[in-house]
């Protein structure tokens, strides 16, 4: 047996009886640390103190370990763009918190005849909305009346910067354009005839 002192010093390879004698002399316990090692490793320690420290370390490790939950987001095939953006914003918050997210697209009634629409929507979520910022743990799978897939945050992914509203390209709306009315056309025609 390889015998280790309470301070961590190696006392050498000794027989079982010699190790027990050393433990009795010091009024401590002989604890087997790793029985699978060749030769087995034992430590001469105060068992109560050793057990307390080991339990304390395990509790500390449990607190330090982050428990990840599986969050879920559900929506139908007929979801609007704005509603989808809001739901994906919530999914983004879950991902940033370190959670995995199971996204479920559910089908109603006759929508089951058009399964490809759900796969296109899933592809849009994976490739267009999140792109490199996620890792797909479970590819889209159809089960019953639902299409499910699981995503998680990609720490190495490139985050797309949000475009501020001020820098966004201006949409040309009907109000910005000057409508051509029949009155303006008549005025132009009248101006041409007066010049002639």
Protein backbone atom coordinates (compact mmCIF):
# COMPACT_ATOMS: atom_id res chain seq x y z
CA UNK A 1 0.00 0.00 0.00
CA UNK A 2 1.18 3.50 -0.79
CA UNK A 3 0.75 5.45 2.46
CA UNK A 4 0.23 9.22 2.52
CA UNK A 5 0.48 11.37 5.62
CA UNK A 6 -2.30 13.83 6.67
CA UNK A 7 -0.07 16.67 5.40
CA UNK A 8 0.19 15.04 1.97
CA UNK A 9 3.73 13.64 2.41
CA UNK A 10 4.32 10.17 1.05
CA UNK A 11 5.49 7.74 3.72
CA UNK A 12 6.33 5.09 1.12
CA UNK A 13 5.00 1.70 0.17
CA UNK A 14 4.24 -0.27 3.32
CA UNK A 15 2.32 -3.40 4.24
CA UNK A 16 -1.19 -3.17 5.64
CA UNK A 17 -0.03 -3.91 9.21
CA UNK A 18 2.72 -1.27 9.08
CA UNK A 19 0.24 1.35 7.81
CA UNK A 20 -2.21 0.46 10.61
CA UNK A 21 0.60 0.73 13.20
CA UNK A 22 1.51 4.24 11.98
CA UNK A 23 -2.17 5.28 12.19
CA UNK A 24 -2.48 3.92 15.76
CA UNK A 25 0.72 5.71 16.88
CA UNK A 26 -0.66 9.04 15.67
CA UNK A 27 -4.17 8.27 17.00
CA UNK A 28 -5.64 8.76 13.52
CA UNK A 29 -7.54 6.65 11.01
CA UNK A 30 -6.32 4.82 7.92
CA UNK A 31 -8.53 5.71 4.94
CA UNK A 32 -8.34 4.02 1.56
CA UNK A 33 -8.28 6.78 -1.07
CA UNK A 34 -8.01 4.88 -4.36
CA UNK A 35 -8.41 1.12 -4.14
CA UNK A 36 -8.02 0.55 -7.93
CA UNK A 37 -4.48 1.97 -8.01
CA UNK A 38 -1.55 -0.40 -8.09
CA UNK A 39 -0.54 -0.42 -5.21
CA UNK A 40 -3.68 0.91 -3.46
CA UNK A 41 -3.34 4.38 -1.94
CA UNK A 42 -4.23 4.99 1.73
CA UNK A 43 -4.08 8.13 3.83
CA UNK A 44 -3.50 8.55 7.55
CA UNK A 45 -6.08 11.18 8.60
CA UNK A 46 -8.67 12.13 11.20
CA UNK A 47 -11.76 10.53 9.64
CA UNK A 48 -14.24 13.05 11.06
CA UNK A 49 -12.28 16.03 9.77
CA UNK A 50 -11.61 14.32 6.41
CA UNK A 51 -15.28 13.47 5.90
CA UNK A 52 -16.36 17.00 6.88
CA UNK A 53 -13.96 18.61 4.40
CA UNK A 54 -15.00 16.21 1.62
CA UNK A 55 -18.71 16.96 2.22
CA UNK A 56 -18.01 20.69 2.32
CA UNK A 57 -16.14 20.50 -1.01
CA UNK A 58 -18.99 18.54 -2.64
CA UNK A 59 -21.53 21.15 -1.49
CA UNK A 60 -19.30 23.92 -2.84
CA UNK A 61 -19.08 22.15 -6.20
CA UNK A 62 -22.87 21.76 -6.33
CA UNK A 63 -23.35 25.48 -5.75
CA UNK A 64 -20.76 26.35 -8.38
CA UNK A 65 -22.32 24.03 -10.95
CA UNK A 66 -24.87 25.89 -13.02
CA UNK A 67 -28.09 23.96 -13.42
CA UNK A 68 -29.33 24.33 -16.96
CA UNK A 69 -32.98 24.01 -17.71
CA UNK A 70 -34.64 23.11 -20.95
CA UNK A 71 -36.87 26.01 -21.94
CA UNK A 72 -39.60 25.61 -24.53
CA UNK A 73 -41.12 27.96 -27.10
CA UNK A 74 -44.24 26.99 -29.06
CA UNK A 75 -45.89 28.59 -32.05
CA UNK A 76 -48.05 27.63 -35.00
CA UNK A 77 -47.46 27.65 -38.74
CA UNK A 78 -49.46 30.82 -39.30
CA UNK A 79 -47.38 32.97 -36.94
CA UNK A 80 -46.84 36.52 -38.15
CA UNK A 81 -43.39 38.05 -38.65
CA UNK A 82 -43.77 40.44 -35.70
CA UNK A 83 -44.99 37.68 -33.37
CA UNK A 84 -42.11 35.46 -34.49
CA UNK A 85 -39.62 38.27 -33.79
CA UNK A 86 -40.99 38.72 -30.27
CA UNK A 87 -40.83 34.99 -29.54
CA UNK A 88 -37.30 34.75 -30.93
CA UNK A 89 -36.31 37.69 -28.70
CA UNK A 90 -37.44 35.64 -25.69
CA UNK A 91 -35.57 32.61 -27.03
CA UNK A 92 -32.44 34.78 -27.42
CA UNK A 93 -32.70 35.76 -23.72
CA UNK A 94 -32.98 32.08 -22.73
CA UNK A 95 -29.92 31.26 -24.83
CA UNK A 96 -27.89 34.12 -23.35
CA UNK A 97 -28.76 32.84 -19.87
CA UNK A 98 -27.20 29.51 -20.88
CA UNK A 99 -30.36 27.45 -21.27
CA UNK A 100 -31.16 25.02 -24.04
CA UNK A 101 -34.38 25.81 -25.90
CA UNK A 102 -36.77 23.32 -27.42
CA UNK A 103 -38.73 24.98 -30.20
CA UNK A 104 -42.04 23.37 -31.12
CA UNK A 105 -44.00 24.25 -34.23
CA UNK A 106 -47.48 22.80 -33.93
CA UNK A 107 -49.86 21.91 -36.74
CA UNK A 108 -53.63 22.28 -36.64
CA UNK A 109 -56.14 20.37 -38.74
CA UNK A 110 -55.40 20.52 -42.45
CA UNK A 111 -52.00 22.07 -41.89
CA UNK A 112 -50.69 18.50 -41.52
CA UNK A 113 -50.97 18.15 -45.30
CA UNK A 114 -48.25 20.82 -45.66
CA UNK A 115 -45.45 19.59 -43.41
CA UNK A 116 -42.82 21.29 -45.58
CA UNK A 117 -44.02 24.72 -44.41
CA UNK A 118 -43.00 23.86 -40.84
CA UNK A 119 -39.58 22.67 -42.00
CA UNK A 120 -39.11 25.94 -43.93
CA UNK A 121 -40.08 27.91 -40.80
CA UNK A 122 -37.62 25.85 -38.71
CA UNK A 123 -34.91 26.47 -41.31
CA UNK A 124 -35.68 30.19 -41.20
CA UNK A 125 -35.31 30.21 -37.40
CA UNK A 126 -32.06 28.22 -37.46
CA UNK A 127 -30.29 29.81 -40.44
CA UNK A 128 -31.74 33.29 -40.86
CA UNK A 129 -32.68 34.49 -37.39
CA UNK A 130 -29.93 32.92 -35.26
CA UNK A 131 -27.37 31.77 -37.87
CA UNK A 132 -23.94 31.27 -36.21
CA UNK A 133 -25.04 32.25 -32.70
CA UNK A 134 -26.58 28.82 -31.99
CA UNK A 135 -25.76 25.14 -32.15
CA UNK A 136 -28.55 22.75 -33.12
CA UNK A 137 -28.53 19.87 -30.63
CA UNK A 138 -31.49 18.10 -32.21
CA UNK A 139 -32.37 18.60 -35.86
CA UNK A 140 -36.05 19.31 -36.70
CA UNK A 141 -38.06 16.11 -36.29
CA UNK A 142 -41.72 15.62 -36.98
CA UNK A 143 -43.59 13.80 -34.19
CA UNK A 144 -47.37 13.56 -34.11
CA UNK A 145 -48.72 17.03 -34.86
CA UNK A 146 -45.53 18.84 -33.89
CA UNK A 147 -42.15 19.68 -35.37
CA UNK A 148 -39.49 19.84 -32.64
CA UNK A 149 -35.86 20.91 -32.54
CA UNK A 150 -33.44 21.85 -29.76
CA UNK A 151 -30.92 24.69 -29.90
CA UNK A 152 -28.30 26.05 -27.53
CA UNK A 153 -26.01 29.07 -27.44
CA UNK A 154 -22.78 28.91 -29.44
CA UNK A 155 -20.11 30.68 -27.36
CA UNK A 156 -17.85 30.98 -30.43
CA UNK A 157 -20.65 32.29 -32.64
CA UNK A 158 -20.64 35.69 -34.27
CA UNK A 159 -23.28 37.94 -32.76
CA UNK A 160 -25.18 39.99 -35.31
CA UNK A 161 -25.24 43.62 -34.23
CA UNK A 162 -28.69 45.09 -33.94
CA UNK A 163 -29.30 47.84 -36.50
CA UNK A 164 -30.35 51.04 -34.72
CA UNK A 165 -33.57 52.54 -36.01
CA UNK A 166 -31.81 55.79 -36.93
CA UNK A 167 -29.34 54.03 -39.24
CA UNK A 168 -31.95 51.74 -40.74
CA UNK A 169 -32.65 52.33 -44.43
CA UNK A 170 -35.58 54.66 -44.94
CA UNK A 171 -38.63 53.01 -46.42
CA UNK A 172 -40.22 54.91 -49.24
CA UNK A 173 -43.85 55.08 -48.41
CA UNK A 174 -46.81 56.34 -50.36
CA UNK A 175 -46.88 59.50 -48.26
CA UNK A 176 -43.28 60.38 -49.22
CA UNK A 177 -44.02 60.21 -52.92
CA UNK A 178 -45.86 63.08 -54.50
CA UNK A 179 -49.03 61.67 -56.00
CA UNK A 180 -49.74 62.70 -59.55
CA UNK A 181 -53.26 63.92 -59.82
CA UNK A 182 -55.30 64.74 -62.84
CA UNK A 183 -55.28 68.42 -61.82
CA UNK A 184 -51.47 68.58 -62.09
CA UNK A 185 -51.57 66.88 -65.46
CA UNK A 186 -54.10 69.44 -66.72
CA UNK A 187 -51.94 72.31 -65.40
CA UNK A 188 -48.92 70.89 -67.23
CA UNK A 189 -50.92 70.53 -70.43
CA UNK A 190 -52.26 74.08 -70.09
CA UNK A 191 -48.73 75.42 -69.57
CA UNK A 192 -47.59 73.67 -72.74
CA UNK A 193 -50.44 75.10 -74.79
CA UNK A 194 -49.83 78.63 -73.54
CA UNK A 195 -46.19 78.47 -74.58
CA UNK A 196 -47.09 77.35 -78.06
